[in-house]
Amino acid sequence: MEVARPTIDEFLTDQRRRLSASTYRRYDDVVDLLRRSLDGYAYQSLSKQEGVLWEKRRKQDEEAGSFCNTFGPEKIPENLGEFLATS
């Protein structure tokens, strides 16, 4: 299993280029919160094979091996529940 292309971070960076500066500024805080949520909790939803890849990368370099630097945007929808959850 390899690192996804584009990664979630690459996808979000591409969206920054696609949107106008004023539109992206409005989204910037939410995108940052989403990134933090995915990096903090989304690993729990990984298959065994994905978990092995993520753990290996994370142990080598925590930032480079973050969830958002390892997996693609297809992983966003399945992890939105955690992000949107209310207490």
PDB file of N, CA and C in Angstrom:
ATOM      1  N   MET A   1       0.851  -1.177   0.000  1.00  0.00           N
ATOM      2  CA  MET A   1       0.000   0.000   0.000  1.00  0.00           C
ATOM      3  C   MET A   1       0.895   1.238   0.000  1.00  0.00           C
ATOM      4  N   GLU A   2       0.529   2.207  -0.799  1.00  0.00           N
ATOM      5  CA  GLU A   2       1.310   3.434  -0.931  1.00  0.00           C
ATOM      6  C   GLU A   2       0.531   4.638  -0.421  1.00  0.00           C
ATOM      7  N   VAL A   3       1.248   5.726  -0.249  1.00  0.00           N
ATOM      8  CA  VAL A   3       0.633   6.998   0.116  1.00  0.00           C
ATOM      9  C   VAL A   3      -0.277   7.431  -1.035  1.00  0.00           C
ATOM     10  N   ALA A   4      -1.449   7.920  -0.700  1.00  0.00           N
ATOM     11  CA  ALA A   4      -2.416   8.353  -1.712  1.00  0.00           C
ATOM     12  C   ALA A   4      -1.934   9.608  -2.425  1.00  0.00           C
ATOM     13  N   ARG A   5      -2.323   9.757  -3.674  1.00  0.00           N
ATOM     14  CA  ARG A   5      -2.077  10.975  -4.428  1.00  0.00           C
ATOM     15  C   ARG A   5      -3.368  11.369  -5.103  1.00  0.00           C
ATOM     16  N   PRO A   6      -3.894  12.518  -4.869  1.00  0.00           N
ATOM     17  CA  PRO A   6      -3.350  13.502  -3.946  1.00  0.00           C
ATOM     18  C   PRO A   6      -3.662  13.098  -2.506  1.00  0.00           C
ATOM     19  N   THR A   7      -2.834  13.561  -1.588  1.00  0.00           N
ATOM     20  CA  THR A   7      -3.148  13.376  -0.179  1.00  0.00           C
ATOM     21  C   THR A   7      -4.258  14.359   0.187  1.00  0.00           C
ATOM     22  N   ILE A   8      -4.824  14.197   1.358  1.00  0.00           N
ATOM     23  CA  ILE A   8      -5.851  15.142   1.812  1.00  0.00           C
ATOM     24  C   ILE A   8      -5.272  16.552   1.859  1.00  0.00           C
ATOM     25  N   ASP A   9      -4.052  16.698   2.378  1.00  0.00           N
ATOM     26  CA  ASP A   9      -3.435  18.035   2.429  1.00  0.00           C
ATOM     27  C   ASP A   9      -3.228  18.615   1.040  1.00  0.00           C
ATOM     28  N   GLU A  10      -2.793  17.783   0.084  1.00  0.00           N
ATOM     29  CA  GLU A  10      -2.623  18.268  -1.292  1.00  0.00           C
ATOM     30  C   GLU A  10      -3.964  18.680  -1.887  1.00  0.00           C
ATOM     31  N   PHE A  11      -4.986  17.900  -1.629  1.00  0.00           N
ATOM     32  CA  PHE A  11      -6.329  18.216  -2.104  1.00  0.00           C
ATOM     33  C   PHE A  11      -6.806  19.557  -1.542  1.00  0.00           C
ATOM     34  N   LEU A  12      -6.626  19.749  -0.227  1.00  0.00           N
ATOM     35  CA  LEU A  12      -7.076  20.998   0.395  1.00  0.00           C
ATOM     36  C   LEU A  12      -6.259  22.190  -0.104  1.00  0.00           C
ATOM     37  N   THR A  13      -4.969  21.998  -0.337  1.00  0.00           N
ATOM     38  CA  THR A  13      -4.128  23.061  -0.902  1.00  0.00           C
ATOM     39  C   THR A  13      -4.597  23.413  -2.307  1.00  0.00           C
ATOM     40  N   ASP A  14      -4.963  22.401  -3.081  1.00  0.00           N
ATOM     41  CA  ASP A  14      -5.467  22.641  -4.431  1.00  0.00           C
ATOM     42  C   ASP A  14      -6.772  23.438  -4.389  1.00  0.00           C
ATOM     43  N   GLN A  15      -7.611  23.159  -3.409  1.00  0.00           N
ATOM     44  CA  GLN A  15      -8.857  23.914  -3.274  1.00  0.00           C
ATOM     45  C   GLN A  15      -8.560  25.379  -2.966  1.00  0.00           C
ATOM     46  N   ARG A  16      -7.513  25.623  -2.199  1.00  0.00           N
ATOM     47  CA  ARG A  16      -7.108  27.001  -1.888  1.00  0.00           C
ATOM     48  C   ARG A  16      -6.773  27.740  -3.186  1.00  0.00           C
ATOM     49  N   ARG A  17      -6.081  27.064  -4.096  1.00  0.00           N
ATOM     50  CA  ARG A  17      -5.729  27.687  -5.392  1.00  0.00           C
ATOM     51  C   ARG A  17      -6.962  27.893  -6.265  1.00  0.00           C
ATOM     52  N   ARG A  18      -7.916  26.980  -6.157  1.00  0.00           N
ATOM     53  CA  ARG A  18      -9.105  27.023  -7.003  1.00  0.00           C
ATOM     54  C   ARG A  18     -10.072  28.119  -6.586  1.00  0.00           C
ATOM     55  N   LEU A  19     -10.180  28.361  -5.290  1.00  0.00           N
ATOM     56  CA  LEU A  19     -11.132  29.344  -4.772  1.00  0.00           C
ATOM     57  C   LEU A  19     -10.526  30.741  -4.747  1.00  0.00           C
ATOM     58  N   SER A  20     -11.374  31.723  -4.759  1.00  0.00           N
ATOM     59  CA  SER A  20     -10.870  33.095  -4.620  1.00  0.00           C
ATOM     60  C   SER A  20     -10.301  33.244  -3.202  1.00  0.00           C
ATOM     61  N   ALA A  21      -9.403  34.198  -3.056  1.00  0.00           N
ATOM     62  CA  ALA A  21      -8.752  34.426  -1.760  1.00  0.00           C
ATOM     63  C   ALA A  21      -9.786  34.737  -0.675  1.00  0.00           C
ATOM     64  N   SER A  22     -10.779  35.553  -1.003  1.00  0.00           N
ATOM     65  CA  SER A  22     -11.777  35.919   0.010  1.00  0.00           C
ATOM     66  C   SER A  22     -12.633  34.716   0.403  1.00  0.00           C
ATOM     67  N   THR A  23     -12.979  33.875  -0.543  1.00  0.00           N
ATOM     68  CA  THR A  23     -13.763  32.681  -0.233  1.00  0.00           C
ATOM     69  C   THR A  23     -12.951  31.740   0.638  1.00  0.00           C
ATOM     70  N   TYR A  24     -11.701  31.515   0.261  1.00  0.00           N
ATOM     71  CA  TYR A  24     -10.881  30.588   1.043  1.00  0.00           C
ATOM     72  C   TYR A  24     -10.660  31.112   2.459  1.00  0.00           C
ATOM     73  N   ARG A  25     -10.485  32.408   2.620  1.00  0.00           N
ATOM     74  CA  ARG A  25     -10.307  32.976   3.967  1.00  0.00           C
ATOM     75  C   ARG A  25     -11.493  32.641   4.866  1.00  0.00           C
ATOM     76  N   ARG A  26     -12.696  32.650   4.277  1.00  0.00           N
ATOM     77  CA  ARG A  26     -13.895  32.313   5.054  1.00  0.00           C
ATOM     78  C   ARG A  26     -13.870  30.850   5.483  1.00  0.00           C
ATOM     79  N   TYR A  27     -13.273  29.993   4.679  1.00  0.00           N
ATOM     80  CA  TYR A  27     -13.221  28.565   4.959  1.00  0.00           C
ATOM     81  C   TYR A  27     -11.996  28.150   5.763  1.00  0.00           C
ATOM     82  N   ASP A  28     -10.989  29.004   5.845  1.00  0.00           N
ATOM     83  CA  ASP A  28      -9.684  28.645   6.379  1.00  0.00           C
ATOM     84  C   ASP A  28      -9.751  28.037   7.778  1.00  0.00           C
ATOM     85  N   ASP A  29     -10.497  28.641   8.692  1.00  0.00           N
ATOM     86  CA  ASP A  29     -10.578  28.114  10.062  1.00  0.00           C
ATOM     87  C   ASP A  29     -11.232  26.737  10.096  1.00  0.00           C
ATOM     88  N   VAL A  30     -12.281  26.557   9.300  1.00  0.00           N
ATOM     89  CA  VAL A  30     -12.973  25.275   9.272  1.00  0.00           C
ATOM     90  C   VAL A  30     -12.069  24.202   8.669  1.00  0.00           C
ATOM     91  N   VAL A  31     -11.363  24.539   7.603  1.00  0.00           N
ATOM     92  CA  VAL A  31     -10.443  23.585   6.979  1.00  0.00           C
ATOM     93  C   VAL A  31      -9.343  23.204   7.969  1.00  0.00           C
ATOM     94  N   ASP A  32      -8.834  24.169   8.723  1.00  0.00           N
ATOM     95  CA  ASP A  32      -7.815  23.875   9.723  1.00  0.00           C
ATOM     96  C   ASP A  32      -8.369  22.940  10.806  1.00  0.00           C
ATOM     97  N   LEU A  33      -9.581  23.188  11.254  1.00  0.00           N
ATOM     98  CA  LEU A  33     -10.212  22.311  12.248  1.00  0.00           C
ATOM     99  C   LEU A  33     -10.431  20.905  11.692  1.00  0.00           C
ATOM    100  N   LEU A  34     -10.850  20.815  10.437  1.00  0.00           N
ATOM    101  CA  LEU A  34     -11.043  19.514   9.795  1.00  0.00           C
ATOM    102  C   LEU A  34      -9.723  18.756   9.744  1.00  0.00           C
ATOM    103  N   ARG A  35      -8.672  19.434   9.323  1.00  0.00           N
ATOM    104  CA  ARG A  35      -7.348  18.819   9.244  1.00  0.00           C
ATOM    105  C   ARG A  35      -6.924  18.273  10.619  1.00  0.00           C
ATOM    106  N   ARG A  36      -7.116  19.086  11.653  1.00  0.00           N
ATOM    107  CA  ARG A  36      -6.747  18.666  13.011  1.00  0.00           C
ATOM    108  C   ARG A  36      -7.579  17.464  13.471  1.00  0.00           C
ATOM    109  N   SER A  37      -8.853  17.480  13.146  1.00  0.00           N
ATOM    110  CA  SER A  37      -9.725  16.369  13.510  1.00  0.00           C
ATOM    111  C   SER A  37      -9.285  15.089  12.808  1.00  0.00           C
ATOM    112  N   LEU A  38      -9.037  15.175  11.511  1.00  0.00           N
ATOM    113  CA  LEU A  38      -8.610  13.995  10.762  1.00  0.00           C
ATOM    114  C   LEU A  38      -7.284  13.462  11.295  1.00  0.00           C
ATOM    115  N   ASP A  39      -6.336  14.354  11.523  1.00  0.00           N
ATOM    116  CA  ASP A  39      -5.035  13.921  12.023  1.00  0.00           C
ATOM    117  C   ASP A  39      -5.126  13.345  13.439  1.00  0.00           C
ATOM    118  N   GLY A  40      -6.086  13.800  14.205  1.00  0.00           N
ATOM    119  CA  GLY A  40      -6.201  13.348  15.586  1.00  0.00           C
ATOM    120  C   GLY A  40      -7.038  12.102  15.797  1.00  0.00           C
ATOM    121  N   TYR A  41      -8.027  11.863  14.923  1.00  0.00           N
ATOM    122  CA  TYR A  41      -8.986  10.800  15.196  1.00  0.00           C
ATOM    123  C   TYR A  41      -9.246   9.825  14.047  1.00  0.00           C
ATOM    124  N   ALA A  42      -9.003  10.233  12.821  1.00  0.00           N
ATOM    125  CA  ALA A  42      -9.425   9.420  11.677  1.00  0.00           C
ATOM    126  C   ALA A  42      -8.674   8.099  11.554  1.00  0.00           C
ATOM    127  N   TYR A  43      -7.501   8.004  12.154  1.00  0.00           N
ATOM    128  CA  TYR A  43      -6.756   6.737  12.096  1.00  0.00           C
ATOM    129  C   TYR A  43      -7.587   5.583  12.659  1.00  0.00           C
ATOM    130  N   GLN A  44      -8.551   5.896  13.517  1.00  0.00           N
ATOM    131  CA  GLN A  44      -9.375   4.859  14.137  1.00  0.00           C
ATOM    132  C   GLN A  44     -10.261   4.142  13.123  1.00  0.00           C
ATOM    133  N   SER A  45     -10.474   4.761  11.976  1.00  0.00           N
ATOM    134  CA  SER A  45     -11.345   4.169  10.960  1.00  0.00           C
ATOM    135  C   SER A  45     -10.583   3.354   9.915  1.00  0.00           C
ATOM    136  N   LEU A  46      -9.272   3.249  10.066  1.00  0.00           N
ATOM    137  CA  LEU A  46      -8.452   2.583   9.051  1.00  0.00           C
ATOM    138  C   LEU A  46      -8.591   1.063   9.093  1.00  0.00           C
ATOM    139  N   SER A  47      -8.449   0.473   7.915  1.00  0.00           N
ATOM    140  CA  SER A  47      -8.365  -0.982   7.846  1.00  0.00           C
ATOM    141  C   SER A  47      -7.018  -1.397   8.446  1.00  0.00           C
ATOM    142  N   LYS A  48      -6.842  -2.681   8.666  1.00  0.00           N
ATOM    143  CA  LYS A  48      -5.591  -3.171   9.242  1.00  0.00           C
ATOM    144  C   LYS A  48      -4.403  -2.782   8.357  1.00  0.00           C
ATOM    145  N   GLN A  49      -4.513  -2.972   7.060  1.00  0.00           N
ATOM    146  CA  GLN A  49      -3.430  -2.649   6.120  1.00  0.00           C
ATOM    147  C   GLN A  49      -3.142  -1.144   6.120  1.00  0.00           C
ATOM    148  N   GLU A  50      -4.180  -0.331   6.098  1.00  0.00           N
ATOM    149  CA  GLU A  50      -3.992   1.125   6.142  1.00  0.00           C
ATOM    150  C   GLU A  50      -3.348   1.545   7.458  1.00  0.00           C
ATOM    151  N   GLY A  51      -3.767   0.910   8.549  1.00  0.00           N
ATOM    152  CA  GLY A  51      -3.211   1.226   9.866  1.00  0.00           C
ATOM    153  C   GLY A  51      -1.721   0.938   9.944  1.00  0.00           C
ATOM    154  N   VAL A  52      -1.294  -0.144   9.319  1.00  0.00           N
ATOM    155  CA  VAL A  52       0.131  -0.490   9.299  1.00  0.00           C
ATOM    156  C   VAL A  52       0.911   0.588   8.562  1.00  0.00           C
ATOM    157  N   LEU A  53       0.420   1.008   7.398  1.00  0.00           N
ATOM    158  CA  LEU A  53       1.084   2.066   6.626  1.00  0.00           C
ATOM    159  C   LEU A  53       1.155   3.350   7.440  1.00  0.00           C
ATOM    160  N   TRP A  54       0.035   3.762   8.008  1.00  0.00           N
ATOM    161  CA  TRP A  54      -0.015   5.010   8.780  1.00  0.00           C
ATOM    162  C   TRP A  54       0.939   4.969   9.964  1.00  0.00           C
ATOM    163  N   GLU A  55       0.927   3.881  10.709  1.00  0.00           N
ATOM    164  CA  GLU A  55       1.788   3.771  11.888  1.00  0.00           C
ATOM    165  C   GLU A  55       3.264   3.806  11.506  1.00  0.00           C
ATOM    166  N   LYS A  56       3.614   3.131  10.435  1.00  0.00           N
ATOM    167  CA  LYS A  56       5.005   3.127   9.961  1.00  0.00           C
ATOM    168  C   LYS A  56       5.453   4.542   9.599  1.00  0.00           C
ATOM    169  N   ARG A  57       4.627   5.247   8.838  1.00  0.00           N
ATOM    170  CA  ARG A  57       4.978   6.621   8.436  1.00  0.00           C
ATOM    171  C   ARG A  57       5.025   7.552   9.642  1.00  0.00           C
ATOM    172  N   ARG A  58       4.092   7.399  10.551  1.00  0.00           N
ATOM    173  CA  ARG A  58       4.027   8.261  11.726  1.00  0.00           C
ATOM    174  C   ARG A  58       5.254   8.076  12.615  1.00  0.00           C
ATOM    175  N   LYS A  59       5.711   6.845  12.745  1.00  0.00           N
ATOM    176  CA  LYS A  59       6.895   6.576  13.561  1.00  0.00           C
ATOM    177  C   LYS A  59       8.156   7.160  12.930  1.00  0.00           C
ATOM    178  N   GLN A  60       8.207   7.203  11.590  1.00  0.00           N
ATOM    179  CA  GLN A  60       9.374   7.750  10.892  1.00  0.00           C
ATOM    180  C   GLN A  60       9.421   9.266  11.001  1.00  0.00           C
ATOM    181  N   ASP A  61       8.273   9.897  10.844  1.00  0.00           N
ATOM    182  CA  ASP A  61       8.195  11.365  10.862  1.00  0.00           C
ATOM    183  C   ASP A  61       6.744  11.725  11.143  1.00  0.00           C
ATOM    184  N   GLU A  62       6.477  12.206  12.348  1.00  0.00           N
ATOM    185  CA  GLU A  62       5.093  12.435  12.768  1.00  0.00           C
ATOM    186  C   GLU A  62       4.336  13.378  11.834  1.00  0.00           C
ATOM    187  N   GLU A  63       4.980  14.452  11.374  1.00  0.00           N
ATOM    188  CA  GLU A  63       4.288  15.391  10.485  1.00  0.00           C
ATOM    189  C   GLU A  63       4.063  14.783   9.105  1.00  0.00           C
ATOM    190  N   ALA A  64       5.110  14.219   8.518  1.00  0.00           N
ATOM    191  CA  ALA A  64       4.976  13.615   7.189  1.00  0.00           C
ATOM    192  C   ALA A  64       4.031  12.424   7.219  1.00  0.00           C
ATOM    193  N   GLY A  65       3.989  11.738   8.360  1.00  0.00           N
ATOM    194  CA  GLY A  65       3.140  10.571   8.496  1.00  0.00           C
ATOM    195  C   GLY A  65       1.761  10.863   9.045  1.00  0.00           C
ATOM    196  N   SER A  66       1.391  12.130   9.084  1.00  0.00           N
ATOM    197  CA  SER A  66       0.059  12.464   9.588  1.00  0.00           C
ATOM    198  C   SER A  66      -1.009  11.838   8.685  1.00  0.00           C
ATOM    199  N   PHE A  67      -2.192  11.712   9.209  1.00  0.00           N
ATOM    200  CA  PHE A  67      -3.297  11.144   8.437  1.00  0.00           C
ATOM    201  C   PHE A  67      -3.493  11.915   7.134  1.00  0.00           C
ATOM    202  N   CYS A  68      -3.488  13.249   7.224  1.00  0.00           N
ATOM    203  CA  CYS A  68      -3.748  14.082   6.041  1.00  0.00           C
ATOM    204  C   CYS A  68      -2.608  14.054   5.024  1.00  0.00           C
ATOM    205  N   ASN A  69      -1.423  13.654   5.435  1.00  0.00           N
ATOM    206  CA  ASN A  69      -0.296  13.531   4.510  1.00  0.00           C
ATOM    207  C   ASN A  69      -0.108  12.103   4.017  1.00  0.00           C
ATOM    208  N   THR A  70      -1.019  11.227   4.384  1.00  0.00           N
ATOM    209  CA  THR A  70      -0.905   9.828   3.987  1.00  0.00           C
ATOM    210  C   THR A  70      -2.071   9.380   3.114  1.00  0.00           C
ATOM    211  N   PHE A  71      -3.267   9.809   3.446  1.00  0.00           N
ATOM    212  CA  PHE A  71      -4.462   9.316   2.758  1.00  0.00           C
ATOM    213  C   PHE A  71      -5.094  10.393   1.880  1.00  0.00           C
ATOM    214  N   GLY A  72      -5.910   9.933   0.928  1.00  0.00           N
ATOM    215  CA  GLY A  72      -6.526  10.840  -0.034  1.00  0.00           C
ATOM    216  C   GLY A  72      -7.867  11.378   0.415  1.00  0.00           C
ATOM    217  N   PRO A  73      -8.418  12.307  -0.381  1.00  0.00           N
ATOM    218  CA  PRO A  73      -9.671  12.963  -0.017  1.00  0.00           C
ATOM    219  C   PRO A  73     -10.853  12.012   0.092  1.00  0.00           C
ATOM    220  N   GLU A  74     -10.735  10.802  -0.463  1.00  0.00           N
ATOM    221  CA  GLU A  74     -11.835   9.839  -0.334  1.00  0.00           C
ATOM    222  C   GLU A  74     -12.046   9.427   1.120  1.00  0.00           C
ATOM    223  N   LYS A  75     -11.063   9.689   1.991  1.00  0.00           N
ATOM    224  CA  LYS A  75     -11.179   9.359   3.408  1.00  0.00           C
ATOM    225  C   LYS A  75     -11.918  10.444   4.206  1.00  0.00           C
ATOM    226  N   ILE A  76     -12.172  11.586   3.595  1.00  0.00           N
ATOM    227  CA  ILE A  76     -12.835  12.672   4.318  1.00  0.00           C
ATOM    228  C   ILE A  76     -14.281  12.314   4.682  1.00  0.00           C
ATOM    229  N   PRO A  77     -15.128  11.893   3.715  1.00  0.00           N
ATOM    230  CA  PRO A  77     -16.544  11.664   4.055  1.00  0.00           C
ATOM    231  C   PRO A  77     -16.764  10.675   5.192  1.00  0.00           C
ATOM    232  N   GLU A  78     -16.007   9.585   5.215  1.00  0.00           N
ATOM    233  CA  GLU A  78     -16.243   8.573   6.248  1.00  0.00           C
ATOM    234  C   GLU A  78     -15.813   9.041   7.639  1.00  0.00           C
ATOM    235  N   ASN A  79     -15.100  10.153   7.695  1.00  0.00           N
ATOM    236  CA  ASN A  79     -14.632  10.672   8.986  1.00  0.00           C
ATOM    237  C   ASN A  79     -15.282  11.989   9.386  1.00  0.00           C
ATOM    238  N   LEU A  80     -16.259  12.439   8.636  1.00  0.00           N
ATOM    239  CA  LEU A  80     -16.928  13.690   8.973  1.00  0.00           C
ATOM    240  C   LEU A  80     -17.788  13.578  10.223  1.00  0.00           C
ATOM    241  N   GLY A  81     -18.283  12.398  10.531  1.00  0.00           N
ATOM    242  CA  GLY A  81     -19.108  12.227  11.720  1.00  0.00           C
ATOM    243  C   GLY A  81     -18.382  12.639  12.976  1.00  0.00           C
ATOM    244  N   GLU A  82     -17.133  12.238  13.109  1.00  0.00           N
ATOM    245  CA  GLU A  82     -16.322  12.601  14.265  1.00  0.00           C
ATOM    246  C   GLU A  82     -16.115  14.117  14.297  1.00  0.00           C
ATOM    247  N   PHE A  83     -15.852  14.695  13.122  1.00  0.00           N
ATOM    248  CA  PHE A  83     -15.607  16.141  13.013  1.00  0.00           C
ATOM    249  C   PHE A  83     -16.849  16.947  13.383  1.00  0.00           C
ATOM    250  N   LEU A  84     -17.998  16.483  12.951  1.00  0.00           N
ATOM    251  CA  LEU A  84     -19.249  17.220  13.156  1.00  0.00           C
ATOM    252  C   LEU A  84     -19.966  16.866  14.459  1.00  0.00           C
ATOM    253  N   ALA A  85     -19.459  15.873  15.172  1.00  0.00           N
ATOM    254  CA  ALA A  85     -20.120  15.411  16.392  1.00  0.00           C
ATOM    255  C   ALA A  85     -20.241  16.538  17.410  1.00  0.00           C
ATOM    256  N   THR A  86     -21.349  16.528  18.107  1.00  0.00           N
ATOM    257  CA  THR A  86     -21.563  17.501  19.171  1.00  0.00           C
ATOM    258  C   THR A  86     -21.604  16.758  20.496  1.00  0.00           C
ATOM    259  N   SER A  87     -21.203  17.442  21.529  1.00  0.00           N
ATOM    260  CA  SER A  87     -21.209  16.772  22.837  1.00  0.00           C
ATOM    261  C   SER A  87     -22.437  17.132  23.623  1.00  0.00           C
TER     262      SER A  87
END
